[in-house]
């Protein structure tokens, strides 16, 4: 799964990007650093560029033991490395994929 994060501080949420020619100029809202990213995402595991967009749920803990989907975001999945996840995504459409790490529930 493609995950963009700041190479300077590791931030992965407070990022803003703007297309400039054949790159996206990304700026980190946490540390203020900037860098260029290729327009076409590549897999961080196999360096392949056959990436497919999928919708991932943003989940937060609600009341008691309830988990709530509070939003979604687009992620890019590798056709090779994420093949099983892509099958699940296409089978369960229009529902988003659930994140691997869910908020901790009290025991």
Protein backbone atom coordinates (compact mmCIF):
# COMPACT_ATOMS: atom_id res chain seq x y z
CA UNK A 1 0.00 0.00 0.00
CA UNK A 2 1.35 3.41 -0.93
CA UNK A 3 1.89 5.56 2.14
CA UNK A 4 3.25 9.05 1.73
CA UNK A 5 5.08 10.41 4.74
CA UNK A 6 7.57 13.19 5.33
CA UNK A 7 11.09 11.84 4.81
CA UNK A 8 12.38 14.37 7.37
CA UNK A 9 10.04 13.90 10.36
CA UNK A 10 7.76 10.96 9.45
CA UNK A 11 4.48 12.94 9.47
CA UNK A 12 1.84 11.26 7.28
CA UNK A 13 -1.25 13.43 7.83
CA UNK A 14 -0.29 17.11 7.70
CA UNK A 15 0.94 17.04 4.11
CA UNK A 16 -0.02 19.33 1.23
CA UNK A 17 0.92 18.88 -2.40
CA UNK A 18 0.77 20.87 -5.61
CA UNK A 19 1.43 19.65 -9.13
CA UNK A 20 4.35 21.37 -10.84
CA UNK A 21 5.11 19.94 -14.26
CA UNK A 22 5.86 16.24 -14.00
CA UNK A 23 6.14 16.11 -10.18
CA UNK A 24 4.06 16.88 -7.10
CA UNK A 25 5.73 19.31 -4.73
CA UNK A 26 4.87 18.17 -1.21
CA UNK A 27 5.21 20.29 1.93
CA UNK A 28 5.00 18.96 5.49
CA UNK A 29 2.78 20.96 7.84
CA UNK A 30 4.66 19.66 10.89
CA UNK A 31 8.31 20.39 10.11
CA UNK A 32 7.93 22.72 7.10
CA UNK A 33 10.24 20.70 4.84
CA UNK A 34 9.38 20.09 1.19
CA UNK A 35 10.23 17.51 -1.47
CA UNK A 36 9.19 16.35 -4.94
CA UNK A 37 7.16 13.18 -5.52
CA UNK A 38 6.55 11.47 -8.87
CA UNK A 39 3.05 11.86 -10.33
CA UNK A 40 2.59 8.14 -10.74
CA UNK A 41 2.82 6.24 -7.45
CA UNK A 42 5.10 3.22 -7.19
CA UNK A 43 5.04 0.32 -4.75
CA UNK A 44 7.46 0.74 -1.85
CA UNK A 45 8.00 -3.05 -1.73
CA UNK A 46 8.55 -4.09 -5.38
CA UNK A 47 9.02 -0.68 -7.10
CA UNK A 48 6.24 -1.66 -9.53
CA UNK A 49 4.02 1.04 -10.99
CA UNK A 50 0.83 -0.99 -11.54
CA UNK A 51 -1.02 0.71 -8.70
CA UNK A 52 -4.80 0.82 -8.28
CA UNK A 53 -6.76 3.30 -6.16
CA UNK A 54 -8.92 1.97 -3.34
CA UNK A 55 -10.97 3.59 -0.58
CA UNK A 56 -9.74 3.10 3.00
CA UNK A 57 -11.91 3.87 6.03
CA UNK A 58 -10.74 6.24 8.75
CA UNK A 59 -11.93 4.71 12.01
CA UNK A 60 -12.17 6.21 15.49
CA UNK A 61 -13.40 4.83 18.77
CA UNK A 62 -16.93 6.00 19.50
CA UNK A 63 -18.87 5.41 22.69
CA UNK A 64 -18.23 2.28 24.69
CA UNK A 65 -16.89 -0.41 22.40
CA UNK A 66 -18.30 1.03 19.18
CA UNK A 67 -15.95 1.86 16.32
CA UNK A 68 -17.12 4.52 13.90
CA UNK A 69 -16.06 5.25 10.33
CA UNK A 70 -15.48 9.01 10.42
CA UNK A 71 -14.15 9.41 6.89
CA UNK A 72 -12.35 7.80 4.01
CA UNK A 73 -9.22 8.39 2.01
CA UNK A 74 -7.82 7.09 -1.24
CA UNK A 75 -4.85 4.73 -1.06
CA UNK A 76 -2.95 3.14 -3.94
CA UNK A 77 -2.49 -0.63 -3.84
CA UNK A 78 0.05 -2.62 -5.83
CA UNK A 79 -1.54 -5.11 -8.24
CA UNK A 80 1.11 -7.68 -7.30
CA UNK A 81 1.90 -7.12 -3.62
CA UNK A 82 -1.67 -6.22 -2.59
CA UNK A 83 -3.54 -8.64 -4.88
CA UNK A 84 -5.58 -10.25 -2.07
CA UNK A 85 -6.54 -6.87 -0.60
CA UNK A 86 -7.65 -5.65 -4.03
CA UNK A 87 -9.85 -8.75 -4.47
CA UNK A 88 -11.47 -8.02 -1.08
CA UNK A 89 -11.95 -4.35 -1.99
CA UNK A 90 -13.62 -5.13 -5.33
CA UNK A 91 -15.79 -7.89 -3.80
CA UNK A 92 -17.09 -5.63 -1.00
CA UNK A 93 -17.67 -2.46 -3.02
CA UNK A 94 -19.02 0.12 -2.30
CA UNK A 95 -17.74 -0.45 1.26
CA UNK A 96 -14.26 0.90 2.03
CA UNK A 97 -11.39 -1.26 3.20
CA UNK A 98 -10.88 -1.30 6.96
CA UNK A 99 -7.48 -0.21 8.28
CA UNK A 100 -5.04 -2.84 9.54
CA UNK A 101 -4.70 -1.07 12.90
CA UNK A 102 -7.95 -0.32 14.71
CA UNK A 103 -8.29 1.93 17.76
CA UNK A 104 -7.81 0.08 21.04
CA UNK A 105 -11.03 -0.93 22.79
CA UNK A 106 -11.17 -1.28 26.58
CA UNK A 107 -11.24 -4.88 27.81
